[in-house]
Each structure stands twice: as structure tokens, then as C-alpha cells.
Amino acid sequence: MRAGSDNGESFFHWDGDTLVVNILGKPAAARDAIGKPKGPQLKVSVTATPRNGKATDHMVRFLAPLFGVPVGQITVVFGRESIHKQLRIQAPTRLPPVFGPQTPTS
């Protein structure tokens, strides 16, 4: 079963060894947290305020250890200054539980 919305549309896919994740960001939150999928996006809350992409930068720093990668292996494809964004995570060594029982590709 794919993690994603009720209609089966997933918030992520693999492009070789790169994980592509669609994010619905929530800046200025009470805490940094990965939420549940909301349609074809994964909700991610961060405490940083949304100024000049700083919330997205904070999000990347928050997510990097959760995927077992250095910050430099996460690319913001689009949405640096928007709540709707897409990230490419190169060769993650682990996945947060919301991604289900799947394991990263080797």
C-alpha cells in the first residue's frame, strides 16, 4: 500500500536512489514535526518564521537527520518561499515512519 491520500495518490516517489517528497509546510509552528499526509503532500511544521525562505532552510536542517543525510543532499526543487514545496533527498539511509514499511533503495 502506498502512503498518501485516500485516492491512492502518494506524497512521495523514488527517482533512482533519490526520494522526491511533496511538502505542505507550516511555518511558525509550536514545534518542528512531521505530520500526516494531506492529499498528495506531507505536512511538515517548523518553528521558523517564513521570511526570505528561512523557514524552508530550517525545514531542510530539521529533516536531514531524520533521513540520515547531510543537509547538502536535500535540494528544494520549488517552493522555497511558499508552503507548497518539493524536496529531492539524495540516497536517504532511513525514512520516517509516515513513509510506511518501505526501505530506501540501495
PDB file of N, CA and C in Angstrom:
ATOM      1  N   MET A   1       0.833  -1.190   0.000  1.00  0.00           N
ATOM      2  CA  MET A   1       0.000   0.000   0.000  1.00  0.00           C
ATOM      3  C   MET A   1       0.869   1.242   0.000  1.00  0.00           C
ATOM      4  N   ARG A   2       0.505   2.212  -0.798  1.00  0.00           N
ATOM      5  CA  ARG A   2       1.276   3.444  -0.874  1.00  0.00           C
ATOM      6  C   ARG A   2       0.807   4.438   0.172  1.00  0.00           C
ATOM      7  N   ALA A   3       1.751   5.127   0.803  1.00  0.00           N
ATOM      8  CA  ALA A   3       1.380   6.188   1.735  1.00  0.00           C
ATOM      9  C   ALA A   3       0.927   7.386   0.920  1.00  0.00           C
ATOM     10  N   GLY A   4      -0.151   7.980   1.314  1.00  0.00           N
ATOM     11  CA  GLY A   4      -0.648   9.139   0.576  1.00  0.00           C
ATOM     12  C   GLY A   4      -2.091   9.404   0.893  1.00  0.00           C
ATOM     13  N   SER A   5      -2.782  10.022  -0.011  1.00  0.00           N
ATOM     14  CA  SER A   5      -4.161  10.401   0.216  1.00  0.00           C
ATOM     15  C   SER A   5      -5.081   9.203   0.051  1.00  0.00           C
ATOM     16  N   ASP A   6      -6.356   9.407   0.378  1.00  0.00           N
ATOM     17  CA  ASP A   6      -7.355   8.349   0.287  1.00  0.00           C
ATOM     18  C   ASP A   6      -7.513   7.821  -1.131  1.00  0.00           C
ATOM     19  N   ASN A   7      -7.222   8.650  -2.147  1.00  0.00           N
ATOM     20  CA  ASN A   7      -7.388   8.196  -3.527  1.00  0.00           C
ATOM     21  C   ASN A   7      -6.144   7.471  -4.047  1.00  0.00           C
ATOM     22  N   GLY A   8      -5.195   7.192  -3.154  1.00  0.00           N
ATOM     23  CA  GLY A   8      -4.029   6.421  -3.543  1.00  0.00           C
ATOM     24  C   GLY A   8      -2.878   7.249  -4.089  1.00  0.00           C
ATOM     25  N   GLU A   9      -3.075   8.557  -4.217  1.00  0.00           N
ATOM     26  CA  GLU A   9      -2.009   9.420  -4.717  1.00  0.00           C
ATOM     27  C   GLU A   9      -0.984   9.628  -3.601  1.00  0.00           C
ATOM     28  N   SER A  10       0.256   9.329  -3.877  1.00  0.00           N
ATOM     29  CA  SER A  10       1.292   9.395  -2.864  1.00  0.00           C
ATOM     30  C   SER A  10       1.932  10.776  -2.797  1.00  0.00           C
ATOM     31  N   PHE A  11       2.433  11.104  -1.611  1.00  0.00           N
ATOM     32  CA  PHE A  11       3.134  12.372  -1.418  1.00  0.00           C
ATOM     33  C   PHE A  11       4.613  12.246  -1.757  1.00  0.00           C
ATOM     34  N   PHE A  12       5.056  11.046  -2.143  1.00  0.00           N
ATOM     35  CA  PHE A  12       6.465  10.864  -2.493  1.00  0.00           C
ATOM     36  C   PHE A  12       6.601   9.814  -3.587  1.00  0.00           C
ATOM     37  N   HIS A  13       7.760   9.854  -4.254  1.00  0.00           N
ATOM     38  CA  HIS A  13       8.124   8.800  -5.194  1.00  0.00           C
ATOM     39  C   HIS A  13       9.642   8.731  -5.263  1.00  0.00           C
ATOM     40  N   TRP A  14      10.132   7.642  -5.802  1.00  0.00           N
ATOM     41  CA  TRP A  14      11.574   7.445  -5.960  1.00  0.00           C
ATOM     42  C   TRP A  14      11.973   7.773  -7.389  1.00  0.00           C
ATOM     43  N   ASP A  15      13.109   8.439  -7.531  1.00  0.00           N
ATOM     44  CA  ASP A  15      13.738   8.697  -8.821  1.00  0.00           C
ATOM     45  C   ASP A  15      15.144   8.093  -8.700  1.00  0.00           C
ATOM     46  N   GLY A  16      15.251   6.809  -8.987  1.00  0.00           N
ATOM     47  CA  GLY A  16      16.519   6.111  -8.732  1.00  0.00           C
ATOM     48  C   GLY A  16      16.728   6.011  -7.242  1.00  0.00           C
ATOM     49  N   ASP A  17      17.873   6.496  -6.733  1.00  0.00           N
ATOM     50  CA  ASP A  17      18.117   6.471  -5.293  1.00  0.00           C
ATOM     51  C   ASP A  17      17.738   7.787  -4.624  1.00  0.00           C
ATOM     52  N   THR A  18      17.035   8.658  -5.353  1.00  0.00           N
ATOM     53  CA  THR A  18      16.619   9.952  -4.817  1.00  0.00           C
ATOM     54  C   THR A  18      15.134   9.915  -4.474  1.00  0.00           C
ATOM     55  N   LEU A  19      14.819  10.311  -3.253  1.00  0.00           N
ATOM     56  CA  LEU A  19      13.441  10.377  -2.787  1.00  0.00           C
ATOM     57  C   LEU A  19      12.898  11.772  -3.095  1.00  0.00           C
ATOM     58  N   VAL A  20      11.772  11.849  -3.797  1.00  0.00           N
ATOM     59  CA  VAL A  20      11.129  13.112  -4.138  1.00  0.00           C
ATOM     60  C   VAL A  20       9.889  13.228  -3.259  1.00  0.00           C
ATOM     61  N   VAL A  21       9.815  14.297  -2.449  1.00  0.00           N
ATOM     62  CA  VAL A  21       8.728  14.461  -1.486  1.00  0.00           C
ATOM     63  C   VAL A  21       8.023  15.790  -1.721  1.00  0.00           C
ATOM     64  N   ASN A  22       6.692  15.749  -1.811  1.00  0.00           N
ATOM     65  CA  ASN A  22       5.876  16.958  -1.906  1.00  0.00           C
ATOM     66  C   ASN A  22       5.465  17.353  -0.496  1.00  0.00           C
ATOM     67  N   ILE A  23       5.727  18.607  -0.145  1.00  0.00           N
ATOM     68  CA  ILE A  23       5.547  19.097   1.223  1.00  0.00           C
ATOM     69  C   ILE A  23       4.483  20.190   1.279  1.00  0.00           C
ATOM     70  N   LEU A  24       3.675  20.143   2.343  1.00  0.00           N
ATOM     71  CA  LEU A  24       2.808  21.249   2.722  1.00  0.00           C
ATOM     72  C   LEU A  24       3.403  21.788   4.007  1.00  0.00           C
ATOM     73  N   GLY A  25       4.078  22.917   3.920  1.00  0.00           N
ATOM     74  CA  GLY A  25       4.784  23.467   5.069  1.00  0.00           C
ATOM     75  C   GLY A  25       3.878  24.277   5.977  1.00  0.00           C
ATOM     76  N   LYS A  26       4.199  24.254   7.272  1.00  0.00           N
ATOM     77  CA  LYS A  26       3.506  25.084   8.245  1.00  0.00           C
ATOM     78  C   LYS A  26       4.579  25.800   9.055  1.00  0.00           C
ATOM     79  N   PRO A  27       4.898  27.032   8.659  1.00  0.00           N
ATOM     80  CA  PRO A  27       5.922  27.794   9.390  1.00  0.00           C
ATOM     81  C   PRO A  27       5.359  28.363  10.694  1.00  0.00           C
ATOM     82  N   ALA A  28       6.242  28.839  11.555  1.00  0.00           N
ATOM     83  CA  ALA A  28       5.882  29.479  12.821  1.00  0.00           C
ATOM     84  C   ALA A  28       5.018  28.558  13.689  1.00  0.00           C
ATOM     85  N   ALA A  29       5.304  27.273  13.664  1.00  0.00           N
ATOM     86  CA  ALA A  29       4.558  26.294  14.453  1.00  0.00           C
ATOM     87  C   ALA A  29       5.116  26.226  15.876  1.00  0.00           C
ATOM     88  N   ALA A  30       4.402  25.553  16.750  1.00  0.00           N
ATOM     89  CA  ALA A  30       4.846  25.406  18.138  1.00  0.00           C
ATOM     90  C   ALA A  30       6.083  24.527  18.243  1.00  0.00           C
ATOM     91  N   ARG A  31       6.221  23.551  17.312  1.00  0.00           N
ATOM     92  CA  ARG A  31       7.391  22.669  17.334  1.00  0.00           C
ATOM     93  C   ARG A  31       7.672  22.151  15.930  1.00  0.00           C
ATOM     94  N   ASP A  32       8.886  21.684  15.709  1.00  0.00           N
ATOM     95  CA  ASP A  32       9.247  21.046  14.448  1.00  0.00           C
ATOM     96  C   ASP A  32       8.673  19.632  14.471  1.00  0.00           C
ATOM     97  N   ALA A  33       7.942  19.267  13.418  1.00  0.00           N
ATOM     98  CA  ALA A  33       7.333  17.936  13.397  1.00  0.00           C
ATOM     99  C   ALA A  33       6.932  17.539  11.990  1.00  0.00           C
ATOM    100  N   ILE A  34       6.994  16.230  11.728  1.00  0.00           N
ATOM    101  CA  ILE A  34       6.431  15.685  10.503  1.00  0.00           C
ATOM    102  C   ILE A  34       5.022  15.245  10.852  1.00  0.00           C
ATOM    103  N   GLY A  35       4.052  15.730  10.081  1.00  0.00           N
ATOM    104  CA  GLY A  35       2.660  15.374  10.320  1.00  0.00           C
ATOM    105  C   GLY A  35       2.220  14.234   9.429  1.00  0.00           C
ATOM    106  N   LYS A  36       0.931  14.243   9.119  1.00  0.00           N
ATOM    107  CA  LYS A  36       0.349  13.207   8.278  1.00  0.00           C
ATOM    108  C   LYS A  36       0.235  13.714   6.848  1.00  0.00           C
ATOM    109  N   PRO A  37       0.125  12.799   5.899  1.00  0.00           N
ATOM    110  CA  PRO A  37      -0.119  13.219   4.525  1.00  0.00           C
ATOM    111  C   PRO A  37      -1.442  13.963   4.430  1.00  0.00           C
ATOM    112  N   LYS A  38      -1.462  15.024   3.638  1.00  0.00           N
ATOM    113  CA  LYS A  38      -2.665  15.802   3.374  1.00  0.00           C
ATOM    114  C   LYS A  38      -2.798  15.839   1.859  1.00  0.00           C
ATOM    115  N   GLY A  39      -3.605  14.931   1.326  1.00  0.00           N
ATOM    116  CA  GLY A  39      -3.675  14.794  -0.125  1.00  0.00           C
ATOM    117  C   GLY A  39      -2.330  14.316  -0.642  1.00  0.00           C
ATOM    118  N   PRO A  40      -1.851  14.909  -1.729  1.00  0.00           N
ATOM    119  CA  PRO A  40      -0.571  14.469  -2.302  1.00  0.00           C
ATOM    120  C   PRO A  40       0.648  15.179  -1.693  1.00  0.00           C
ATOM    121  N   GLN A  41       0.486  15.708  -0.467  1.00  0.00           N
ATOM    122  CA  GLN A  41       1.581  16.402   0.207  1.00  0.00           C
ATOM    123  C   GLN A  41       1.723  15.878   1.632  1.00  0.00           C
ATOM    124  N   LEU A  42       2.935  15.974   2.164  1.00  0.00           N
ATOM    125  CA  LEU A  42       3.215  15.613   3.542  1.00  0.00           C
ATOM    126  C   LEU A  42       3.292  16.896   4.347  1.00  0.00           C
ATOM    127  N   LYS A  43       2.539  16.979   5.416  1.00  0.00           N
ATOM    128  CA  LYS A  43       2.561  18.181   6.254  1.00  0.00           C
ATOM    129  C   LYS A  43       3.814  18.167   7.129  1.00  0.00           C
ATOM    130  N   VAL A  44       4.571  19.248   7.072  1.00  0.00           N
ATOM    131  CA  VAL A  44       5.770  19.391   7.901  1.00  0.00           C
ATOM    132  C   VAL A  44       5.706  20.762   8.561  1.00  0.00           C
ATOM    133  N   SER A  45       5.722  20.769   9.896  1.00  0.00           N
ATOM    134  CA  SER A  45       5.670  22.004  10.666  1.00  0.00           C
ATOM    135  C   SER A  45       7.069  22.359  11.149  1.00  0.00           C
ATOM    136  N   VAL A  46       7.369  23.657  11.124  1.00  0.00           N
ATOM    137  CA  VAL A  46       8.653  24.136  11.644  1.00  0.00           C
ATOM    138  C   VAL A  46       8.426  25.397  12.479  1.00  0.00           C
ATOM    139  N   THR A  47       9.317  25.617  13.424  1.00  0.00           N
ATOM    140  CA  THR A  47       9.188  26.762  14.320  1.00  0.00           C
ATOM    141  C   THR A  47       9.654  28.072  13.679  1.00  0.00           C
ATOM    142  N   ALA A  48      10.422  28.002  12.626  1.00  0.00           N
ATOM    143  CA  ALA A  48      10.965  29.201  11.981  1.00  0.00           C
ATOM    144  C   ALA A  48       9.864  30.032  11.317  1.00  0.00           C
ATOM    145  N   THR A  49      10.075  31.341  11.288  1.00  0.00           N
ATOM    146  CA  THR A  49       9.121  32.234  10.631  1.00  0.00           C
ATOM    147  C   THR A  49       9.400  32.293   9.132  1.00  0.00           C
ATOM    148  N   PRO A  50       8.355  32.509   8.341  1.00  0.00           N
ATOM    149  CA  PRO A  50       8.514  32.493   6.874  1.00  0.00           C
ATOM    150  C   PRO A  50       9.036  33.812   6.321  1.00  0.00           C
ATOM    151  N   ARG A  51      10.343  34.029   6.436  1.00  0.00           N
ATOM    152  CA  ARG A  51      10.950  35.245   5.899  1.00  0.00           C
ATOM    153  C   ARG A  51      12.092  34.863   4.967  1.00  0.00           C
ATOM    154  N   ASN A  52      11.973  35.246   3.703  1.00  0.00           N
ATOM    155  CA  ASN A  52      13.045  35.041   2.728  1.00  0.00           C
ATOM    156  C   ASN A  52      13.534  33.593   2.648  1.00  0.00           C
ATOM    157  N   GLY A  53      12.622  32.639   2.784  1.00  0.00           N
ATOM    158  CA  GLY A  53      12.997  31.236   2.667  1.00  0.00           C
ATOM    159  C   GLY A  53      13.634  30.639   3.907  1.00  0.00           C
ATOM    160  N   LYS A  54      13.684  31.404   5.001  1.00  0.00           N
ATOM    161  CA  LYS A  54      14.339  30.899   6.214  1.00  0.00           C
ATOM    162  C   LYS A  54      13.597  29.717   6.829  1.00  0.00           C
ATOM    163  N   ALA A  55      12.268  29.667   6.711  1.00  0.00           N
ATOM    164  CA  ALA A  55      11.515  28.529   7.237  1.00  0.00           C
ATOM    165  C   ALA A  55      11.864  27.265   6.438  1.00  0.00           C
ATOM    166  N   THR A  56      12.023  27.407   5.127  1.00  0.00           N
ATOM    167  CA  THR A  56      12.393  26.255   4.301  1.00  0.00           C
ATOM    168  C   THR A  56      13.805  25.789   4.641  1.00  0.00           C
ATOM    169  N   ASP A  57      14.719  26.725   4.828  1.00  0.00           N
ATOM    170  CA  ASP A  57      16.089  26.362   5.219  1.00  0.00           C
ATOM    171  C   ASP A  57      16.073  25.608   6.549  1.00  0.00           C
ATOM    172  N   HIS A  58      15.264  26.086   7.497  1.00  0.00           N
ATOM    173  CA  HIS A  58      15.135  25.431   8.795  1.00  0.00           C
ATOM    174  C   HIS A  58      14.552  24.028   8.611  1.00  0.00           C
ATOM    175  N   MET A  59      13.550  23.906   7.730  1.00  0.00           N
ATOM    176  CA  MET A  59      12.920  22.610   7.464  1.00  0.00           C
ATOM    177  C   MET A  59      13.949  21.605   6.935  1.00  0.00           C
ATOM    178  N   VAL A  60      14.787  22.037   6.023  1.00  0.00           N
ATOM    179  CA  VAL A  60      15.814  21.149   5.461  1.00  0.00           C
ATOM    180  C   VAL A  60      16.766  20.689   6.570  1.00  0.00           C
ATOM    181  N   ARG A  61      17.165  21.617   7.444  1.00  0.00           N
ATOM    182  CA  ARG A  61      18.063  21.246   8.562  1.00  0.00           C
ATOM    183  C   ARG A  61      17.364  20.295   9.534  1.00  0.00           C
ATOM    184  N   PHE A  62      16.063  20.456   9.736  1.00  0.00           N
ATOM    185  CA  PHE A  62      15.289  19.566  10.605  1.00  0.00           C
ATOM    186  C   PHE A  62      15.158  18.171   9.990  1.00  0.00           C
ATOM    187  N   LEU A  63      14.893  18.112   8.681  1.00  0.00           N
ATOM    188  CA  LEU A  63      14.643  16.835   8.021  1.00  0.00           C
ATOM    189  C   LEU A  63      15.897  16.007   7.763  1.00  0.00           C
ATOM    190  N   ALA A  64      17.023  16.655   7.519  1.00  0.00           N
ATOM    191  CA  ALA A  64      18.252  15.934   7.140  1.00  0.00           C
ATOM    192  C   ALA A  64      18.579  14.771   8.077  1.00  0.00           C
ATOM    193  N   PRO A  65      18.658  14.962   9.401  1.00  0.00           N
ATOM    194  CA  PRO A  65      18.989  13.816  10.254  1.00  0.00           C
ATOM    195  C   PRO A  65      17.899  12.745  10.283  1.00  0.00           C
ATOM    196  N   LEU A  66      16.645  13.136  10.044  1.00  0.00           N
ATOM    197  CA  LEU A  66      15.554  12.152  10.043  1.00  0.00           C
ATOM    198  C   LEU A  66      15.662  11.205   8.850  1.00  0.00           C
ATOM    199  N   PHE A  67      16.299  11.673   7.765  1.00  0.00           N
ATOM    200  CA  PHE A  67      16.514  10.844   6.581  1.00  0.00           C
ATOM    201  C   PHE A  67      17.930  10.296   6.534  1.00  0.00           C
ATOM    202  N   GLY A  68      18.747  10.637   7.527  1.00  0.00           N
ATOM    203  CA  GLY A  68      20.110  10.114   7.591  1.00  0.00           C
ATOM    204  C   GLY A  68      21.021  10.674   6.524  1.00  0.00           C
ATOM    205  N   VAL A  69      20.817  11.948   6.156  1.00  0.00           N
ATOM    206  CA  VAL A  69      21.644  12.569   5.117  1.00  0.00           C
ATOM    207  C   VAL A  69      22.178  13.912   5.610  1.00  0.00           C
ATOM    208  N   PRO A  70      23.286  14.380   5.038  1.00  0.00           N
ATOM    209  CA  PRO A  70      23.730  15.742   5.317  1.00  0.00           C
ATOM    210  C   PRO A  70      22.785  16.730   4.627  1.00  0.00           C
ATOM    211  N   VAL A  71      22.720  17.939   5.145  1.00  0.00           N
ATOM    212  CA  VAL A  71      21.857  18.986   4.590  1.00  0.00           C
ATOM    213  C   VAL A  71      22.085  19.154   3.090  1.00  0.00           C
ATOM    214  N   GLY A  72      23.324  19.029   2.636  1.00  0.00           N
ATOM    215  CA  GLY A  72      23.660  19.214   1.225  1.00  0.00           C
ATOM    216  C   GLY A  72      23.046  18.184   0.288  1.00  0.00           C
ATOM    217  N   GLN A  73      22.504  17.096   0.833  1.00  0.00           N
ATOM    218  CA  GLN A  73      21.874  16.078  -0.006  1.00  0.00           C
ATOM    219  C   GLN A  73      20.368  16.303  -0.161  1.00  0.00           C
ATOM    220  N   ILE A  74      19.868  17.430   0.355  1.00  0.00           N
ATOM    221  CA  ILE A  74      18.465  17.790   0.178  1.00  0.00           C
ATOM    222  C   ILE A  74      18.397  19.037  -0.686  1.00  0.00           C
ATOM    223  N   THR A  75      17.683  18.923  -1.800  1.00  0.00           N
ATOM    224  CA  THR A  75      17.508  20.036  -2.728  1.00  0.00           C
ATOM    225  C   THR A  75      16.059  20.477  -2.719  1.00  0.00           C
ATOM    226  N   VAL A  76      15.847  21.794  -2.633  1.00  0.00           N
ATOM    227  CA  VAL A  76      14.498  22.345  -2.748  1.00  0.00           C
ATOM    228  C   VAL A  76      14.257  22.569  -4.240  1.00  0.00           C
ATOM    229  N   VAL A  77      13.366  21.758  -4.839  1.00  0.00           N
ATOM    230  CA  VAL A  77      13.087  21.849  -6.271  1.00  0.00           C
ATOM    231  C   VAL A  77      12.275  23.115  -6.556  1.00  0.00           C
ATOM    232  N   PHE A  78      11.220  23.306  -5.775  1.00  0.00           N
ATOM    233  CA  PHE A  78      10.428  24.540  -5.886  1.00  0.00           C
ATOM    234  C   PHE A  78       9.769  24.815  -4.546  1.00  0.00           C
ATOM    235  N   GLY A  79       9.347  26.056  -4.334  1.00  0.00           N
ATOM    236  CA  GLY A  79       8.604  26.431  -3.146  1.00  0.00           C
ATOM    237  C   GLY A  79       9.427  26.927  -1.981  1.00  0.00           C
ATOM    238  N   ARG A  80      10.628  27.427  -2.240  1.00  0.00           N
ATOM    239  CA  ARG A  80      11.465  27.889  -1.128  1.00  0.00           C
ATOM    240  C   ARG A  80      10.754  28.961  -0.307  1.00  0.00           C
ATOM    241  N   GLU A  81       9.947  29.806  -0.949  1.00  0.00           N
ATOM    242  CA  GLU A  81       9.222  30.860  -0.245  1.00  0.00           C
ATOM    243  C   GLU A  81       7.713  30.635  -0.307  1.00  0.00           C
ATOM    244  N   SER A  82       7.303  29.368  -0.321  1.00  0.00           N
ATOM    245  CA  SER A  82       5.890  29.000  -0.386  1.00  0.00           C
ATOM    246  C   SER A  82       5.639  27.845   0.583  1.00  0.00           C
ATOM    247  N   ILE A  83       4.368  27.647   0.971  1.00  0.00           N
ATOM    248  CA  ILE A  83       4.065  26.493   1.811  1.00  0.00           C
ATOM    249  C   ILE A  83       4.030  25.206   0.988  1.00  0.00           C
ATOM    250  N   HIS A  84       3.864  25.340  -0.316  1.00  0.00           N
ATOM    251  CA  HIS A  84       3.862  24.187  -1.223  1.00  0.00           C
ATOM    252  C   HIS A  84       5.253  24.033  -1.810  1.00  0.00           C
ATOM    253  N   LYS A  85       5.904  22.910  -1.513  1.00  0.00           N
ATOM    254  CA  LYS A  85       7.284  22.732  -1.973  1.00  0.00           C
ATOM    255  C   LYS A  85       7.558  21.282  -2.329  1.00  0.00           C
ATOM    256  N   GLN A  86       8.632  21.095  -3.054  1.00  0.00           N
ATOM    257  CA  GLN A  86       9.077  19.745  -3.380  1.00  0.00           C
ATOM    258  C   GLN A  86      10.556  19.643  -3.032  1.00  0.00           C
ATOM    259  N   LEU A  87      10.887  18.556  -2.352  1.00  0.00           N
ATOM    260  CA  LEU A  87      12.274  18.303  -1.972  1.00  0.00           C
ATOM    261  C   LEU A  87      12.765  17.033  -2.639  1.00  0.00           C
ATOM    262  N   ARG A  88      14.041  17.031  -3.005  1.00  0.00           N
ATOM    263  CA  ARG A  88      14.719  15.828  -3.506  1.00  0.00           C
ATOM    264  C   ARG A  88      15.780  15.475  -2.471  1.00  0.00           C
ATOM    265  N   ILE A  89      15.671  14.258  -1.934  1.00  0.00           N
ATOM    266  CA  ILE A  89      16.590  13.802  -0.901  1.00  0.00           C
ATOM    267  C   ILE A  89      17.437  12.683  -1.502  1.00  0.00           C
ATOM    268  N   GLN A  90      18.703  12.988  -1.694  1.00  0.00           N
ATOM    269  CA  GLN A  90      19.598  12.052  -2.374  1.00  0.00           C
ATOM    270  C   GLN A  90      20.050  10.940  -1.426  1.00  0.00           C
ATOM    271  N   ALA A  91      19.759   9.706  -1.810  1.00  0.00           N
ATOM    272  CA  ALA A  91      20.212   8.491  -1.115  1.00  0.00           C
ATOM    273  C   ALA A  91      19.965   8.512   0.392  1.00  0.00           C
ATOM    274  N   PRO A  92      18.696   8.671   0.811  1.00  0.00           N
ATOM    275  CA  PRO A  92      18.432   8.634   2.256  1.00  0.00           C
ATOM    276  C   PRO A  92      18.774   7.266   2.833  1.00  0.00           C
ATOM    277  N   THR A  93      19.301   7.256   4.053  1.00  0.00           N
ATOM    278  CA  THR A  93      19.658   5.988   4.685  1.00  0.00           C
ATOM    279  C   THR A  93      18.560   5.487   5.616  1.00  0.00           C
ATOM    280  N   ARG A  94      17.576   6.338   5.899  1.00  0.00           N
ATOM    281  CA  ARG A  94      16.409   5.926   6.682  1.00  0.00           C
ATOM    282  C   ARG A  94      15.220   6.793   6.302  1.00  0.00           C
ATOM    283  N   LEU A  95      14.026   6.287   6.674  1.00  0.00           N
ATOM    284  CA  LEU A  95      12.787   7.001   6.373  1.00  0.00           C
ATOM    285  C   LEU A  95      11.962   7.155   7.644  1.00  0.00           C
ATOM    286  N   PRO A  96      11.357   8.321   7.854  1.00  0.00           N
ATOM    287  CA  PRO A  96      10.446   8.478   8.986  1.00  0.00           C
ATOM    288  C   PRO A  96       9.265   7.504   8.859  1.00  0.00           C
ATOM    289  N   PRO A  97       8.640   7.121   9.976  1.00  0.00           N
ATOM    290  CA  PRO A  97       7.553   6.138   9.963  1.00  0.00           C
ATOM    291  C   PRO A  97       6.388   6.467   9.019  1.00  0.00           C
ATOM    292  N   VAL A  98       6.103   7.732   8.776  1.00  0.00           N
ATOM    293  CA  VAL A  98       4.986   8.108   7.911  1.00  0.00           C
ATOM    294  C   VAL A  98       5.149   7.562   6.485  1.00  0.00           C
ATOM    295  N   PHE A  99       6.362   7.181   6.114  1.00  0.00           N
ATOM    296  CA  PHE A  99       6.611   6.628   4.783  1.00  0.00           C
ATOM    297  C   PHE A  99       6.250   5.148   4.704  1.00  0.00           C
ATOM    298  N   GLY A 100       5.816   4.573   5.811  1.00  0.00           N
ATOM    299  CA  GLY A 100       5.384   3.183   5.812  1.00  0.00           C
ATOM    300  C   GLY A 100       6.532   2.213   5.918  1.00  0.00           C
ATOM    301  N   PRO A 101       6.249   0.931   5.640  1.00  0.00           N
ATOM    302  CA  PRO A 101       7.245  -0.112   5.831  1.00  0.00           C
ATOM    303  C   PRO A 101       8.305  -0.186   4.732  1.00  0.00           C
ATOM    304  N   GLN A 102       8.283   0.752   3.796  1.00  0.00           N
ATOM    305  CA  GLN A 102       9.250   0.723   2.692  1.00  0.00           C
ATOM    306  C   GLN A 102      10.639   1.032   3.207  1.00  0.00           C
ATOM    307  N   THR A 103      11.629   0.538   2.512  1.00  0.00           N
ATOM    308  CA  THR A 103      13.011   0.827   2.870  1.00  0.00           C
ATOM    309  C   THR A 103      13.665   1.600   1.731  1.00  0.00           C
ATOM    310  N   PRO A 104      14.630   2.453   2.053  1.00  0.00           N
ATOM    311  CA  PRO A 104      15.316   3.188   0.985  1.00  0.00           C
ATOM    312  C   PRO A 104      15.962   2.219   0.000  1.00  0.00           C
ATOM    313  N   THR A 105      16.084   2.669  -1.238  1.00  0.00           N
ATOM    314  CA  THR A 105      16.757   1.847  -2.255  1.00  0.00           C
ATOM    315  C   THR A 105      18.250   1.871  -1.995  1.00  0.00           C
ATOM    316  N   SER A 106      18.949   0.833  -2.407  1.00  0.00           N
ATOM    317  CA  SER A 106      20.401   0.823  -2.200  1.00  0.00           C
ATOM    318  C   SER A 106      21.142   1.033  -3.477  1.00  0.00           C
TER     319      SER A 106
END
